[in-house]
Amino acid sequence: MNVYERFRSLHESGTFVIPNPWDGGSLRLLARLGFPAVATTSSGWAWSKGRRDNGLTVDDALTHFREMASLSPVPVNGDFEGGFAIDAEGVAANVARAAETGVAGLSIEDSTADTEHPLFDFQLSVERVSAARRALDASGRRVLLTARSEGFIVGRPDLAETLRRLEAYAAAGADCLYAPGIRTRAEIAAVVRAVAPKPVNVLVGADFTTVEDLASLGVRRISVGGALARAAWTGFMQAAQEIAEHGTFGRLGQALPFGEVNGWFPRD
């Protein structure tokens, strides 16, 4: 079974967690812990480059995808943000390039980064998903397409509109549907029902649920976005601030031993 088939098979039944590494080291550790797939995080990756989320280019993203896919023993889903284009033709061209990087899946968002009009118009959003689907089909690779509707995280938490968009994206060829920001059992159950039998990804960035709870609602895939990166930055900042503000090193004394961390990684 190739990497594309392995990734697709994970979405066919049950529930799995697809955590989000931001570099080769975090990827290798997550695979070492037994997670069956991983997904890149645009925010975690941008922070590791000293930039804000959505502050890097399509060429940067493609280089990142190639690196992550080449290092990973498990399938990788690429966070392709908004496809790095507005019009459907531009999305298709960029998705075609992304399909060549070795990632087993790609996600496309419908947010604009415009605070007054945070979502692409409905018809354009559907056309963008359809264009991504055509590009992936033309690639000859069975890259899994996830379509994201971003209303709940860009100031438009309208469940009815989110459902309308996700249903349309499913009809346009998305393999997996995703509405980051939904949190209540009622919201999650509504999304699962609306696009069934296609699988749903739920974002968990805090302790509002469990894998067991989400599985009981029919959720297939659970990701954490930039939350693991935020957890890592939390430890880093707490230790660094202690040194800067107090001249003490207590948190460094709580860190894992050098030999243990070094031993997690191969020599080559």
Protein backbone atom coordinates (compact mmCIF):
# COMPACT_ATOMS: atom_id res chain seq x y z
CA MET A 1 0.00 0.00 0.00
CA ASN A 2 1.51 3.33 -1.05
CA VAL A 3 1.45 6.49 1.03
CA TYR A 4 -1.69 7.83 -0.66
CA GLU A 5 -3.63 4.62 -0.08
CA ARG A 6 -2.40 4.43 3.52
CA PHE A 7 -3.64 7.95 4.19
CA ARG A 8 -7.00 7.36 2.54
CA SER A 9 -7.51 4.14 4.48
CA LEU A 10 -7.24 6.04 7.76
CA HIS A 11 -10.33 8.03 6.79
CA GLU A 12 -12.51 5.02 6.03
CA SER A 13 -13.48 4.01 9.58
CA GLY A 14 -12.73 4.75 13.20
CA THR A 15 -11.08 7.89 14.55
CA PHE A 16 -7.43 8.91 14.38
CA VAL A 17 -5.37 11.84 15.63
CA ILE A 18 -3.21 13.61 13.07
CA PRO A 19 -0.92 15.90 15.10
CA ASN A 20 0.85 18.88 13.58
CA PRO A 21 4.66 19.06 13.57
CA TRP A 22 6.41 22.21 12.36
CA ASP A 23 9.85 20.85 11.47
CA GLY A 24 11.74 17.62 10.92
CA GLY A 25 12.50 17.06 14.58
CA SER A 26 8.94 17.44 15.79
CA LEU A 27 7.76 15.26 12.90
CA ARG A 28 10.12 12.42 13.78
CA LEU A 29 9.10 12.49 17.43
CA LEU A 30 5.39 12.33 16.61
CA ALA A 31 5.96 9.39 14.28
CA ARG A 32 8.06 7.76 17.02
CA LEU A 33 5.06 8.04 19.37
CA GLY A 34 3.01 5.96 16.95
CA PHE A 35 0.73 8.50 15.28
CA PRO A 36 -0.31 7.03 11.91
CA ALA A 37 -0.08 10.33 10.00
CA VAL A 38 0.91 13.95 10.56
CA ALA A 39 -0.17 17.31 9.16
CA THR A 40 1.91 20.43 8.72
CA THR A 41 0.85 23.60 10.50
CA SER A 42 1.20 26.92 8.71
CA SER A 43 1.37 28.80 12.02
CA GLY A 44 3.88 26.54 13.75
CA TRP A 45 6.08 26.50 10.68
CA ALA A 46 5.90 30.29 10.22
CA TRP A 47 6.84 30.87 13.87
CA SER A 48 9.85 28.58 13.47
CA LYS A 49 10.96 30.89 10.65
CA GLY A 50 10.46 34.02 12.74
CA ARG A 51 7.36 35.05 10.81
CA ARG A 52 3.63 35.38 11.48
CA ASP A 53 1.14 32.84 10.20
CA ASN A 54 0.33 33.32 6.50
CA GLY A 55 3.55 35.30 6.09
CA LEU A 56 5.44 32.89 3.81
CA THR A 57 5.24 32.26 0.06
CA VAL A 58 3.99 29.37 -2.03
CA ASP A 59 7.58 28.43 -2.87
CA ASP A 60 8.40 28.40 0.84
CA ALA A 61 5.43 26.09 1.43
CA LEU A 62 6.39 23.70 -1.35
CA THR A 63 9.95 23.46 -0.04
CA HIS A 64 8.57 22.74 3.43
CA PHE A 65 6.23 20.04 2.09
CA ARG A 66 9.10 18.31 0.25
CA GLU A 67 11.26 18.32 3.35
CA MET A 68 8.53 17.01 5.63
CA ALA A 69 7.40 14.31 3.19
CA SER A 70 10.98 13.15 2.60
CA LEU A 71 11.66 12.79 6.34
CA SER A 72 8.36 11.21 7.35
CA PRO A 73 7.76 7.47 7.76
CA VAL A 74 4.00 8.19 7.84
CA PRO A 75 1.68 10.08 5.46
CA VAL A 76 1.86 13.87 5.60
CA ASN A 77 -1.05 16.24 5.03
CA GLY A 78 0.04 19.67 3.80
CA ASP A 79 -1.57 22.81 5.23
CA PHE A 80 -1.76 24.74 1.94
CA GLU A 81 -3.53 27.73 3.51
CA GLY A 82 -5.72 29.38 0.83
CA GLY A 83 -3.84 27.82 -2.05
CA PHE A 84 -1.70 30.98 -2.33
CA ALA A 85 -4.10 32.36 -4.94
CA ILE A 86 -7.52 33.97 -5.16
CA ASP A 87 -8.92 32.79 -8.47
CA ALA A 88 -9.67 29.13 -9.15
CA GLU A 89 -7.08 28.89 -11.93
CA GLY A 90 -4.35 30.11 -9.61
CA VAL A 91 -5.38 27.62 -6.92
CA ALA A 92 -5.31 24.80 -9.49
CA ALA A 93 -1.82 25.74 -10.68
CA ASN A 94 -0.43 25.84 -7.15
CA VAL A 95 -2.17 22.64 -6.11
CA ALA A 96 -0.66 20.89 -9.14
CA ARG A 97 2.77 21.91 -7.89
CA ALA A 98 1.99 20.80 -4.34
CA ALA A 99 0.92 17.36 -5.57
CA GLU A 100 4.49 16.80 -6.76
CA THR A 101 6.03 17.26 -3.30
CA GLY A 102 5.16 13.84 -1.86
CA VAL A 103 2.46 14.90 0.58
CA ALA A 104 -0.47 12.47 0.82
CA GLY A 105 -3.07 15.17 1.47
CA LEU A 106 -3.67 18.89 1.05
CA SER A 107 -6.06 21.30 2.72
CA ILE A 108 -7.52 24.45 1.12
CA GLU A 109 -9.14 27.27 3.13
CA ASP A 110 -11.88 29.75 2.18
CA SER A 111 -10.61 32.70 4.24
CA THR A 112 -9.36 35.91 2.62
CA ALA A 113 -7.27 37.67 5.34
CA ASP A 114 -9.59 40.67 4.82
CA THR A 115 -11.24 41.54 8.13
CA GLU A 116 -14.24 43.20 6.45
CA HIS A 117 -14.83 40.29 4.05
CA PRO A 118 -13.12 37.35 5.79
CA LEU A 119 -14.52 34.60 3.55
CA PHE A 120 -14.38 34.27 -0.21
CA ASP A 121 -17.79 34.59 -1.86
CA PHE A 122 -19.66 31.32 -1.82
CA GLN A 123 -19.50 30.56 -5.54
CA LEU A 124 -15.82 31.44 -5.79
CA SER A 125 -15.10 29.27 -2.76
CA VAL A 126 -16.78 26.29 -4.41
CA GLU A 127 -14.94 26.93 -7.67
CA ARG A 128 -11.63 26.98 -5.78
CA VAL A 129 -12.32 23.56 -4.26
CA SER A 130 -13.43 22.17 -7.61
CA ALA A 131 -10.27 23.50 -9.26
CA ALA A 132 -8.11 21.90 -6.56
CA ARG A 133 -9.90 18.60 -7.14
CA ARG A 134 -9.29 18.73 -10.89
CA ALA A 135 -5.62 19.53 -10.38
CA LEU A 136 -5.14 16.62 -8.00
CA ASP A 137 -6.93 14.24 -10.33
CA ALA A 138 -4.77 15.39 -13.24
CA SER A 139 -1.61 14.79 -11.19
CA GLY A 140 -2.14 11.04 -11.29
CA ARG A 141 -1.60 10.86 -7.55
CA ARG A 142 -4.41 10.07 -5.14
CA VAL A 143 -3.75 13.07 -2.91
CA LEU A 144 -6.59 13.48 -0.42
CA LEU A 145 -8.26 16.91 -0.55
CA THR A 146 -9.52 18.53 2.63
CA ALA A 147 -11.73 21.62 2.26
CA ARG A 148 -11.86 24.02 5.18
CA SER A 149 -14.54 26.59 5.97
CA GLU A 150 -13.01 29.18 8.28
CA GLY A 151 -16.01 31.18 9.48
CA PHE A 152 -15.70 30.20 13.13
CA ILE A 153 -12.10 31.44 13.38
CA VAL A 154 -12.40 34.61 11.29
CA GLY A 155 -15.32 36.27 13.05
CA ARG A 156 -18.22 34.66 11.15
CA PRO A 157 -19.39 31.85 13.45
CA ASP A 158 -22.52 31.06 11.45
CA LEU A 159 -23.27 27.34 11.64
CA ALA A 160 -25.86 27.38 8.84
CA GLU A 161 -23.44 29.09 6.46
CA THR A 162 -20.64 26.76 7.50
CA LEU A 163 -22.82 23.74 6.76
CA ARG A 164 -23.86 25.20 3.40
CA ARG A 165 -20.24 25.68 2.43
CA LEU A 166 -19.04 22.28 3.62
CA GLU A 167 -21.87 20.49 1.81
CA ALA A 168 -20.97 22.35 -1.39
CA TYR A 169 -17.27 21.58 -0.98
CA ALA A 170 -18.08 17.90 -0.53
CA ALA A 171 -20.12 17.98 -3.74
CA ALA A 172 -17.24 19.77 -5.49
CA GLY A 173 -14.89 16.89 -4.75
CA ALA A 174 -13.41 17.41 -1.30
CA ASP A 175 -12.57 14.09 0.36
CA CYS A 176 -12.57 15.41 3.94
CA LEU A 177 -14.38 18.42 5.45
CA TYR A 178 -13.11 20.70 8.18
CA ALA A 179 -14.55 23.68 10.07
CA PRO A 180 -11.87 24.88 12.50
CA GLY A 181 -13.30 26.61 15.54
CA ILE A 182 -16.40 24.49 16.11
CA ARG A 183 -16.37 23.25 19.69
CA THR A 184 -19.78 22.19 20.98
CA ARG A 185 -21.15 18.70 20.59
CA ALA A 186 -24.14 20.11 18.71
CA GLU A 187 -21.95 21.95 16.20
CA ILE A 188 -19.68 18.98 15.62
CA ALA A 189 -22.58 16.54 15.26
CA ALA A 190 -24.27 18.87 12.77
CA VAL A 191 -21.17 19.01 10.58
CA VAL A 192 -20.74 15.23 10.67
CA ARG A 193 -24.38 14.73 9.65
CA ALA A 194 -24.27 17.35 6.91
CA VAL A 195 -21.42 15.80 4.93
CA ALA A 196 -21.87 12.10 5.76
CA PRO A 197 -20.54 9.68 4.68
CA LYS A 198 -17.49 11.83 3.97
CA PRO A 199 -15.06 12.15 6.90
CA VAL A 200 -14.80 15.22 9.12
CA ASN A 201 -11.69 16.72 10.72
CA VAL A 202 -12.09 18.54 14.04
CA LEU A 203 -9.48 20.95 15.36
CA VAL A 204 -8.61 20.61 19.05
CA GLY A 205 -6.44 23.41 20.37
CA ALA A 206 -7.47 23.23 24.03
CA ASP A 207 -8.91 20.74 26.52
CA PHE A 208 -12.59 21.05 25.57
CA THR A 209 -13.03 17.45 24.43
CA THR A 210 -11.40 14.02 24.18
CA VAL A 211 -10.69 11.53 21.43
CA GLU A 212 -13.38 9.29 22.88
CA ASP A 213 -16.00 12.06 22.84
CA LEU A 214 -15.22 13.02 19.24
CA ALA A 215 -15.27 9.39 18.14
CA SER A 216 -18.74 9.02 19.66
CA LEU A 217 -19.92 11.88 17.41
CA GLY A 218 -18.60 10.20 14.28
CA VAL A 219 -15.51 12.37 13.80
CA ARG A 220 -12.89 10.56 11.71
CA ARG A 221 -9.86 12.83 12.07
CA ILE A 222 -8.58 15.08 14.87
CA SER A 223 -5.83 17.66 14.37
CA VAL A 224 -4.28 20.16 16.78
CA GLY A 225 -3.10 22.90 14.42
CA GLY A 226 -0.47 25.11 16.00
CA ALA A 227 -1.26 23.95 19.56
CA LEU A 228 1.77 21.67 19.95
CA ALA A 229 3.99 24.47 18.64
CA ARG A 230 2.37 26.84 21.16
CA ALA A 231 3.04 24.33 23.93
CA ALA A 232 6.69 24.17 22.90
CA TRP A 233 6.98 27.95 22.74
CA THR A 234 5.34 28.16 26.18
CA GLY A 235 8.11 26.09 27.76
CA PHE A 236 10.78 28.00 25.88
CA MET A 237 9.45 31.42 26.91
CA GLN A 238 8.94 30.45 30.54
CA ALA A 239 12.56 29.29 30.81
CA ALA A 240 13.96 32.25 28.89
CA GLN A 241 11.90 34.81 30.83
CA GLU A 242 13.08 33.34 34.13
CA ILE A 243 16.68 33.85 33.06
CA ALA A 244 16.06 37.35 31.69
CA GLU A 245 13.95 38.60 34.59
CA HIS A 246 15.34 36.79 37.61
CA GLY A 247 18.78 35.53 36.68
CA THR A 248 17.83 32.03 37.78
CA PHE A 249 17.73 28.73 35.90
CA GLY A 250 15.09 26.68 37.68
CA ARG A 251 13.12 25.73 34.59
CA LEU A 252 16.24 24.49 32.84
CA GLY A 253 16.63 22.07 35.73
CA GLN A 254 13.23 20.61 34.83
CA ALA A 255 14.20 19.94 31.21
CA LEU A 256 14.74 16.44 29.89
CA PRO A 257 18.37 15.29 29.97
CA PHE A 258 20.53 15.98 26.92
CA GLY A 259 21.22 12.31 26.31
CA GLU A 260 17.54 11.39 26.29
CA VAL A 261 16.60 14.07 23.78
CA ASN A 262 19.66 13.45 21.61
CA GLY A 263 18.89 9.76 21.57
CA TRP A 264 15.51 10.34 19.93
CA PHE A 265 17.15 11.28 16.66
CA PRO A 266 19.19 9.26 14.14
CA ARG A 267 22.86 9.98 13.55
CA ASP A 268 22.45 10.50 9.79
